[in-house]
N, C-alpha and C. Protein backbone atom coordinates (compact mmCIF):
# COMPACT_ATOMS: atom_id res chain seq x y z
N MET A 1 0.84 -1.17 0.00
CA MET A 1 0.00 0.00 0.00
C MET A 1 0.88 1.24 0.00
N ALA A 2 0.50 2.23 -0.79
CA ALA A 2 1.26 3.47 -0.90
C ALA A 2 0.46 4.62 -0.32
N ILE A 3 1.17 5.68 0.02
CA ILE A 3 0.54 6.89 0.56
C ILE A 3 0.96 8.05 -0.32
N ALA A 4 -0.01 8.88 -0.68
CA ALA A 4 0.28 10.06 -1.51
C ALA A 4 -0.25 11.30 -0.82
N ASP A 5 0.42 12.39 -1.08
CA ASP A 5 0.04 13.71 -0.58
C ASP A 5 -0.19 14.55 -1.83
N VAL A 6 -1.36 15.17 -1.96
CA VAL A 6 -1.65 15.95 -3.16
C VAL A 6 -2.20 17.32 -2.80
N THR A 7 -1.67 18.32 -3.49
CA THR A 7 -2.15 19.69 -3.40
C THR A 7 -2.49 20.14 -4.81
N ILE A 8 -3.67 20.69 -4.99
CA ILE A 8 -4.10 21.13 -6.32
C ILE A 8 -4.42 22.61 -6.28
N MET A 9 -3.91 23.34 -7.28
CA MET A 9 -4.08 24.79 -7.30
C MET A 9 -4.46 25.25 -8.70
N PRO A 10 -5.69 25.75 -8.87
CA PRO A 10 -6.01 26.38 -10.15
C PRO A 10 -5.27 27.71 -10.24
N LEU A 11 -4.68 28.00 -11.38
CA LEU A 11 -3.91 29.23 -11.57
C LEU A 11 -4.74 30.23 -12.38
N GLY A 12 -4.60 31.49 -12.06
CA GLY A 12 -5.32 32.54 -12.78
C GLY A 12 -6.81 32.50 -12.54
N ALA A 13 -7.21 32.04 -11.36
CA ALA A 13 -8.63 31.85 -11.07
C ALA A 13 -9.30 33.13 -10.58
N GLY A 14 -8.53 34.18 -10.31
CA GLY A 14 -9.11 35.42 -9.83
C GLY A 14 -9.46 35.41 -8.35
N THR A 15 -9.07 34.34 -7.64
CA THR A 15 -9.31 34.24 -6.21
C THR A 15 -8.16 33.46 -5.58
N THR A 16 -7.90 33.73 -4.32
CA THR A 16 -6.86 32.99 -3.63
C THR A 16 -7.40 31.75 -2.94
N SER A 17 -8.72 31.58 -2.93
CA SER A 17 -9.34 30.43 -2.28
C SER A 17 -9.39 29.23 -3.22
N VAL A 18 -9.12 28.06 -2.69
CA VAL A 18 -9.24 26.82 -3.46
C VAL A 18 -10.26 25.86 -2.84
N SER A 19 -11.03 26.36 -1.88
CA SER A 19 -11.96 25.48 -1.16
C SER A 19 -13.01 24.87 -2.07
N ASP A 20 -13.44 25.57 -3.13
CA ASP A 20 -14.43 24.99 -4.03
C ASP A 20 -13.86 23.79 -4.76
N VAL A 21 -12.60 23.89 -5.16
CA VAL A 21 -11.94 22.78 -5.85
C VAL A 21 -11.71 21.62 -4.88
N VAL A 22 -11.24 21.93 -3.68
CA VAL A 22 -10.98 20.88 -2.68
C VAL A 22 -12.27 20.14 -2.33
N ALA A 23 -13.35 20.88 -2.16
CA ALA A 23 -14.63 20.24 -1.85
C ALA A 23 -15.06 19.30 -2.97
N GLU A 24 -14.87 19.73 -4.21
CA GLU A 24 -15.25 18.87 -5.34
C GLU A 24 -14.34 17.64 -5.43
N VAL A 25 -13.07 17.81 -5.12
CA VAL A 25 -12.14 16.67 -5.08
C VAL A 25 -12.63 15.65 -4.05
N HIS A 26 -13.06 16.13 -2.89
CA HIS A 26 -13.51 15.20 -1.84
C HIS A 26 -14.83 14.55 -2.19
N ARG A 27 -15.66 15.23 -2.96
CA ARG A 27 -16.88 14.57 -3.48
C ARG A 27 -16.49 13.43 -4.41
N LEU A 28 -15.49 13.69 -5.26
CA LEU A 28 -14.99 12.66 -6.16
C LEU A 28 -14.45 11.47 -5.38
N LEU A 29 -13.63 11.74 -4.37
CA LEU A 29 -13.06 10.66 -3.56
C LEU A 29 -14.16 9.84 -2.87
N LYS A 30 -15.15 10.52 -2.35
CA LYS A 30 -16.24 9.84 -1.64
C LYS A 30 -17.04 8.94 -2.57
N SER A 31 -17.22 9.35 -3.81
CA SER A 31 -18.02 8.58 -4.76
C SER A 31 -17.21 7.56 -5.56
N SER A 32 -15.90 7.59 -5.43
CA SER A 32 -15.04 6.71 -6.23
C SER A 32 -15.25 5.24 -5.87
N LYS A 33 -15.19 4.39 -6.88
CA LYS A 33 -15.27 2.94 -6.69
C LYS A 33 -13.89 2.34 -6.40
N LEU A 34 -12.84 3.16 -6.53
CA LEU A 34 -11.49 2.69 -6.22
C LEU A 34 -11.33 2.53 -4.71
N THR A 35 -10.43 1.65 -4.32
CA THR A 35 -10.18 1.43 -2.89
C THR A 35 -9.11 2.42 -2.43
N ILE A 36 -9.59 3.60 -2.04
CA ILE A 36 -8.70 4.69 -1.62
C ILE A 36 -9.18 5.19 -0.26
N ASN A 37 -8.27 5.25 0.70
CA ASN A 37 -8.54 5.95 1.95
C ASN A 37 -8.00 7.36 1.78
N TYR A 38 -8.64 8.33 2.39
CA TYR A 38 -8.19 9.71 2.23
C TYR A 38 -8.46 10.51 3.49
N GLN A 39 -7.68 11.58 3.61
CA GLN A 39 -7.81 12.46 4.76
C GLN A 39 -7.54 13.89 4.31
N LEU A 40 -8.46 14.78 4.60
CA LEU A 40 -8.28 16.20 4.33
C LEU A 40 -7.44 16.81 5.44
N THR A 41 -6.44 17.58 5.08
CA THR A 41 -5.64 18.33 6.05
C THR A 41 -5.71 19.80 5.64
N PRO A 42 -5.27 20.71 6.48
CA PRO A 42 -5.34 22.13 6.14
C PRO A 42 -4.56 22.51 4.88
N MET A 43 -3.54 21.73 4.54
CA MET A 43 -2.68 22.11 3.41
C MET A 43 -2.73 21.16 2.22
N SER A 44 -3.32 19.98 2.40
CA SER A 44 -3.32 19.00 1.31
C SER A 44 -4.32 17.89 1.63
N THR A 45 -4.40 16.95 0.72
CA THR A 45 -5.19 15.74 0.94
C THR A 45 -4.23 14.56 0.90
N ILE A 46 -4.36 13.67 1.88
CA ILE A 46 -3.54 12.46 1.94
C ILE A 46 -4.38 11.31 1.38
N LEU A 47 -3.78 10.53 0.51
CA LEU A 47 -4.44 9.38 -0.10
C LEU A 47 -3.67 8.12 0.25
N GLU A 48 -4.38 7.01 0.38
CA GLU A 48 -3.75 5.74 0.71
C GLU A 48 -4.42 4.65 -0.12
N GLY A 49 -3.61 3.83 -0.79
CA GLY A 49 -4.16 2.74 -1.58
C GLY A 49 -3.08 2.07 -2.40
N GLU A 50 -3.51 1.15 -3.25
CA GLU A 50 -2.56 0.51 -4.16
C GLU A 50 -2.08 1.54 -5.18
N VAL A 51 -0.85 1.39 -5.64
CA VAL A 51 -0.23 2.39 -6.52
C VAL A 51 -1.08 2.65 -7.75
N ASP A 52 -1.56 1.60 -8.40
CA ASP A 52 -2.36 1.79 -9.62
C ASP A 52 -3.63 2.59 -9.33
N ASP A 53 -4.27 2.32 -8.19
CA ASP A 53 -5.46 3.07 -7.80
C ASP A 53 -5.13 4.54 -7.52
N LEU A 54 -3.98 4.76 -6.90
CA LEU A 54 -3.57 6.14 -6.63
C LEU A 54 -3.35 6.92 -7.92
N TYR A 55 -2.65 6.31 -8.87
CA TYR A 55 -2.42 7.00 -10.14
C TYR A 55 -3.74 7.27 -10.86
N GLU A 56 -4.66 6.35 -10.80
CA GLU A 56 -5.95 6.54 -11.45
C GLU A 56 -6.73 7.69 -10.80
N ILE A 57 -6.80 7.71 -9.49
CA ILE A 57 -7.56 8.78 -8.82
C ILE A 57 -6.86 10.12 -8.99
N LEU A 58 -5.52 10.13 -9.03
CA LEU A 58 -4.80 11.39 -9.25
C LEU A 58 -5.12 11.98 -10.62
N LYS A 59 -5.26 11.13 -11.64
CA LYS A 59 -5.66 11.60 -12.97
C LYS A 59 -7.05 12.24 -12.89
N GLN A 60 -7.95 11.60 -12.15
CA GLN A 60 -9.31 12.13 -12.01
C GLN A 60 -9.31 13.45 -11.22
N ILE A 61 -8.49 13.51 -10.18
CA ILE A 61 -8.39 14.74 -9.37
C ILE A 61 -7.90 15.90 -10.23
N GLN A 62 -6.95 15.64 -11.10
CA GLN A 62 -6.41 16.70 -11.95
C GLN A 62 -7.49 17.31 -12.84
N GLU A 63 -8.47 16.54 -13.22
CA GLU A 63 -9.54 17.04 -14.10
C GLU A 63 -10.57 17.91 -13.37
N VAL A 64 -10.64 17.80 -12.05
CA VAL A 64 -11.68 18.52 -11.29
C VAL A 64 -11.69 20.02 -11.57
N PRO A 65 -10.55 20.73 -11.43
CA PRO A 65 -10.60 22.17 -11.69
C PRO A 65 -10.98 22.51 -13.13
N PHE A 66 -10.53 21.71 -14.07
CA PHE A 66 -10.89 21.94 -15.47
C PHE A 66 -12.40 21.80 -15.66
N ASN A 67 -12.98 20.79 -15.00
CA ASN A 67 -14.43 20.60 -15.07
C ASN A 67 -15.19 21.75 -14.43
N LEU A 68 -14.53 22.49 -13.53
CA LEU A 68 -15.14 23.65 -12.89
C LEU A 68 -14.90 24.93 -13.69
N GLY A 69 -14.22 24.82 -14.83
CA GLY A 69 -14.01 25.98 -15.70
C GLY A 69 -12.64 26.62 -15.63
N HIS A 70 -11.76 26.10 -14.79
CA HIS A 70 -10.42 26.67 -14.72
C HIS A 70 -9.63 26.28 -15.96
N LYS A 71 -8.71 27.14 -16.37
CA LYS A 71 -7.95 26.92 -17.60
C LYS A 71 -6.53 26.40 -17.37
N ARG A 72 -6.05 26.53 -16.14
CA ARG A 72 -4.68 26.07 -15.83
C ARG A 72 -4.65 25.54 -14.41
N VAL A 73 -3.94 24.43 -14.22
CA VAL A 73 -3.91 23.76 -12.92
C VAL A 73 -2.48 23.32 -12.61
N ALA A 74 -2.06 23.56 -11.37
CA ALA A 74 -0.78 23.03 -10.87
C ALA A 74 -1.10 22.04 -9.76
N MET A 75 -0.45 20.88 -9.80
CA MET A 75 -0.64 19.86 -8.78
C MET A 75 0.71 19.44 -8.24
N ASN A 76 0.82 19.40 -6.91
CA ASN A 76 2.02 18.84 -6.26
C ASN A 76 1.64 17.48 -5.71
N ILE A 77 2.44 16.48 -6.05
CA ILE A 77 2.16 15.11 -5.62
C ILE A 77 3.44 14.51 -5.03
N ARG A 78 3.30 13.91 -3.84
CA ARG A 78 4.39 13.13 -3.24
C ARG A 78 3.83 11.74 -2.99
N ILE A 79 4.60 10.73 -3.35
CA ILE A 79 4.16 9.34 -3.15
C ILE A 79 5.20 8.59 -2.34
N ASP A 80 4.75 7.95 -1.27
CA ASP A 80 5.59 7.08 -0.44
C ASP A 80 5.15 5.65 -0.73
N ASP A 81 5.94 4.94 -1.52
CA ASP A 81 5.63 3.56 -1.92
C ASP A 81 6.64 2.64 -1.24
N ARG A 82 6.34 2.25 -0.02
CA ARG A 82 7.25 1.40 0.75
C ARG A 82 6.89 -0.06 0.53
N ARG A 83 7.89 -0.87 0.15
CA ARG A 83 7.61 -2.26 -0.19
C ARG A 83 8.29 -3.27 0.72
N ASP A 84 9.03 -2.77 1.71
CA ASP A 84 9.69 -3.72 2.62
C ASP A 84 8.81 -4.09 3.80
N LYS A 85 7.73 -3.33 4.05
CA LYS A 85 6.79 -3.68 5.09
C LYS A 85 5.48 -2.93 4.86
N VAL A 86 4.44 -3.40 5.49
CA VAL A 86 3.13 -2.77 5.34
C VAL A 86 3.13 -1.45 6.11
N SER A 87 2.63 -0.41 5.47
CA SER A 87 2.58 0.91 6.08
C SER A 87 1.24 1.54 5.75
N SER A 88 0.77 2.39 6.64
CA SER A 88 -0.49 3.10 6.40
C SER A 88 -0.39 4.49 7.01
N MET A 89 -1.34 5.34 6.65
CA MET A 89 -1.38 6.68 7.24
C MET A 89 -1.43 6.56 8.76
N LYS A 90 -2.31 5.70 9.22
CA LYS A 90 -2.53 5.53 10.65
C LYS A 90 -1.27 5.00 11.36
N SER A 91 -0.61 4.01 10.76
CA SER A 91 0.56 3.41 11.41
C SER A 91 1.73 4.39 11.46
N LYS A 92 1.88 5.22 10.43
CA LYS A 92 2.98 6.20 10.44
C LYS A 92 2.81 7.21 11.56
N VAL A 93 1.59 7.67 11.77
CA VAL A 93 1.31 8.62 12.85
C VAL A 93 1.47 7.94 14.20
N ALA A 94 1.02 6.70 14.31
CA ALA A 94 1.11 5.96 15.57
C ALA A 94 2.56 5.77 16.01
N VAL A 95 3.45 5.50 15.08
CA VAL A 95 4.86 5.31 15.41
C VAL A 95 5.45 6.58 16.01
N VAL A 96 5.15 7.72 15.41
CA VAL A 96 5.67 8.99 15.93
C VAL A 96 5.06 9.29 17.30
N ASN A 97 3.75 9.09 17.43
CA ASN A 97 3.10 9.35 18.72
C ASN A 97 3.67 8.46 19.82
N LYS A 98 3.96 7.21 19.51
CA LYS A 98 4.56 6.30 20.50
C LYS A 98 5.92 6.82 20.94
N LYS A 99 6.71 7.29 20.00
CA LYS A 99 8.03 7.82 20.35
C LYS A 99 7.91 9.08 21.20
N LEU A 100 6.92 9.88 20.93
CA LEU A 100 6.72 11.08 21.76
C LEU A 100 6.33 10.70 23.19
N ILE A 101 5.48 9.71 23.32
CA ILE A 101 5.05 9.26 24.65
C ILE A 101 6.19 8.59 25.40
N ASP A 102 6.92 7.71 24.70
CA ASP A 102 8.01 6.95 25.32
C ASP A 102 9.27 7.79 25.51
N GLY A 103 9.37 8.87 24.76
CA GLY A 103 10.58 9.68 24.82
C GLY A 103 11.75 9.02 24.11
N THR A 104 11.46 8.13 23.15
CA THR A 104 12.51 7.43 22.42
C THR A 104 12.67 8.00 21.03
N ASP A 105 13.76 7.60 20.38
CA ASP A 105 14.01 8.00 18.99
C ASP A 105 13.75 6.86 18.05
């Protein structure tokens, strides 16, 4: 399972807000038949799933602003594809929280 972080920004939209685009992206994620877990954060959306599913949903996400009438879109994508052990959004956060509680590195 891989984890992706995606930020999408319509350019030349005449507004500094992207909440309309983000809301539509989350509607897409909610209705998707792909097996994708996702989490909205203040700065991006985190996605979790098989690599092929992530690439497919990322293609669909890129189309959202265009479907809303925007003419140019910039997307930042980071993918963590770890294959030596099972990893998830939840487990990555849990490991850090445990270290904070235990005071270990």
